[in-house]
Amino acid sequence: MAAARNGLTTRDLSTVRARAPRSVPAMEPERPAVPTSRPRLVVFYSRASGRCRRVEGFVAQVLQRRANHYTFALDRVEAAERPELHRRFGIETLPTLIVIEGNRVVGRLADPGGCAAIERFLAPWLR
């Protein structure tokens, strides 16, 4: 009989090792409950515009500051790639932010001035 160590035999230890999982899956960070029908935030922009790039950074900053990463389904529509959507939504100024709920445009902000303007615009949906 194998020598006992802490009350277990060598045979017991080999059985425990054989049953132990080989790797432990990484834990995912806990996400807040996401509503199934989130409002859609659409950013109409142009890659060539420095102003548009700054506004995208402002939007990210507002959402991060208020911990609203999952509040909106975020879409970006580039002017050169989807001109038909720009015409359909009547976009005259870039950048323009639009909030869509239930297939209806419920908010529009053309050429936002900065984080404060974006935060005021998105306030009804932010926590």
Protein backbone atom coordinates (compact mmCIF):
# COMPACT_ATOMS: atom_id res chain seq x y z
CA MET A 1 0.00 0.00 0.00
CA ALA A 2 1.28 3.47 -0.79
CA ALA A 3 2.50 5.66 2.03
CA ALA A 4 -0.16 7.90 3.53
CA ARG A 5 0.40 11.63 3.47
CA ASN A 6 -2.10 13.76 5.42
CA GLY A 7 -4.47 10.84 5.44
CA LEU A 8 -4.36 10.37 1.64
CA THR A 9 -2.58 7.62 -0.19
CA THR A 10 -0.56 8.16 -3.37
CA ARG A 11 -3.39 6.50 -5.29
CA ASP A 12 -5.88 9.03 -3.82
CA LEU A 13 -3.64 11.94 -4.83
CA SER A 14 -3.29 10.69 -8.42
CA THR A 15 -7.08 10.37 -8.67
CA VAL A 16 -7.53 13.95 -7.42
CA ARG A 17 -4.95 15.23 -9.91
CA ALA A 18 -6.62 13.37 -12.78
CA ARG A 19 -9.99 14.94 -11.95
CA ALA A 20 -8.65 18.47 -11.45
CA PRO A 21 -9.30 20.86 -14.33
CA ARG A 22 -6.28 21.48 -16.53
CA SER A 23 -6.88 25.20 -16.85
CA VAL A 24 -9.15 27.67 -15.17
CA PRO A 25 -11.05 29.96 -17.54
CA ALA A 26 -10.37 33.65 -17.08
CA MET A 27 -13.04 35.53 -15.21
CA GLU A 28 -14.81 38.16 -17.28
CA PRO A 29 -15.49 41.49 -15.63
CA GLU A 30 -19.05 41.74 -14.45
CA ARG A 31 -21.12 43.84 -16.81
CA PRO A 32 -24.17 45.77 -15.73
CA ALA A 33 -27.50 44.45 -16.92
CA VAL A 34 -28.01 45.72 -20.46
CA PRO A 35 -31.55 46.47 -21.54
CA THR A 36 -32.58 44.48 -24.59
CA SER A 37 -33.70 47.54 -26.55
CA ARG A 38 -31.05 50.17 -26.08
CA PRO A 39 -31.31 53.53 -27.78
CA ARG A 40 -28.98 53.86 -30.75
CA LEU A 41 -26.46 56.71 -30.82
CA VAL A 42 -25.41 57.43 -34.40
CA VAL A 43 -22.36 59.61 -35.05
CA PHE A 44 -22.24 61.05 -38.58
CA TYR A 45 -18.65 62.07 -39.32
CA SER A 46 -15.87 62.46 -41.87
CA ARG A 47 -12.45 60.83 -41.51
CA ALA A 48 -10.82 63.89 -43.06
CA SER A 49 -12.16 66.24 -40.38
CA GLY A 50 -10.14 66.88 -37.24
CA ARG A 51 -13.26 68.34 -35.65
CA CYS A 52 -15.08 65.02 -36.15
CA ARG A 53 -12.24 63.08 -34.54
CA ARG A 54 -12.29 65.42 -31.52
CA VAL A 55 -16.07 65.00 -31.13
CA GLU A 56 -15.71 61.21 -31.18
CA GLY A 57 -13.24 61.56 -28.32
CA PHE A 58 -15.69 63.83 -26.48
CA VAL A 59 -18.47 61.23 -26.87
CA ALA A 60 -16.22 58.48 -25.51
CA GLN A 61 -15.20 60.70 -22.60
CA VAL A 62 -18.81 61.52 -21.66
CA LEU A 63 -19.84 57.86 -21.75
CA GLN A 64 -16.81 56.76 -19.72
CA ARG A 65 -17.07 59.55 -17.16
CA ARG A 66 -20.64 58.62 -16.30
CA ALA A 67 -20.06 54.82 -16.60
CA ASN A 68 -22.54 54.52 -19.47
CA HIS A 69 -20.55 52.21 -21.73
CA TYR A 70 -23.57 50.00 -22.41
CA THR A 71 -26.30 52.65 -22.47
CA PHE A 72 -26.27 53.07 -26.25
CA ALA A 73 -25.75 50.88 -29.26
CA LEU A 74 -23.12 53.08 -30.94
CA ASP A 75 -22.93 53.41 -34.74
CA ARG A 76 -20.54 55.54 -36.75
CA VAL A 77 -21.50 56.60 -40.27
CA GLU A 78 -18.71 57.98 -42.47
CA ALA A 79 -19.86 60.57 -45.05
CA ALA A 80 -17.85 59.22 -47.98
CA GLU A 81 -18.86 55.59 -47.38
CA ARG A 82 -22.62 56.07 -46.79
CA PRO A 83 -23.78 59.32 -48.47
CA GLU A 84 -27.32 57.90 -48.86
CA LEU A 85 -27.71 57.72 -45.06
CA HIS A 86 -26.51 61.29 -44.72
CA ARG A 87 -29.18 62.40 -47.22
CA ARG A 88 -31.87 60.21 -45.64
CA PHE A 89 -31.29 61.71 -42.17
CA GLY A 90 -30.87 65.25 -43.52
CA ILE A 91 -27.32 65.69 -42.25
CA GLU A 92 -26.00 69.10 -43.27
CA THR A 93 -23.19 69.57 -40.73
CA LEU A 94 -20.48 67.18 -39.65
CA PRO A 95 -20.21 65.92 -37.00
CA THR A 96 -23.84 65.30 -36.06
CA LEU A 97 -25.11 63.05 -33.26
CA ILE A 98 -28.51 61.40 -33.52
CA VAL A 99 -30.32 59.28 -30.92
CA ILE A 100 -32.81 56.72 -32.26
CA GLU A 101 -35.35 54.92 -30.09
CA GLY A 102 -37.93 52.54 -31.49
CA ASN A 103 -37.06 53.44 -35.13
CA ARG A 104 -37.68 57.15 -34.45
CA VAL A 105 -35.17 59.97 -34.22
CA VAL A 106 -35.65 61.39 -30.72
CA GLY A 107 -32.61 63.68 -30.53
CA ARG A 108 -30.22 65.50 -32.85
CA LEU A 109 -27.12 67.57 -32.09
CA ALA A 110 -25.25 69.16 -34.98
CA ASP A 111 -21.64 70.28 -34.50
CA PRO A 112 -21.40 69.76 -30.73
CA GLY A 113 -19.26 72.32 -28.94
CA GLY A 114 -17.55 69.94 -26.52
CA CYS A 115 -18.08 67.51 -23.66
CA ALA A 116 -20.53 69.76 -21.83
CA ALA A 117 -22.80 70.13 -24.87
CA ILE A 118 -22.74 66.38 -25.53
CA GLU A 119 -23.46 65.59 -21.89
CA ARG A 120 -26.45 67.98 -21.85
CA PHE A 121 -27.73 66.42 -25.09
CA LEU A 122 -27.39 62.83 -23.81
CA ALA A 123 -28.56 63.61 -20.24
CA PRO A 124 -32.04 62.02 -20.62
CA TRP A 125 -30.40 58.64 -21.32
CA LEU A 126 -27.36 58.80 -19.03
CA ARG A 127 -27.26 57.52 -15.46
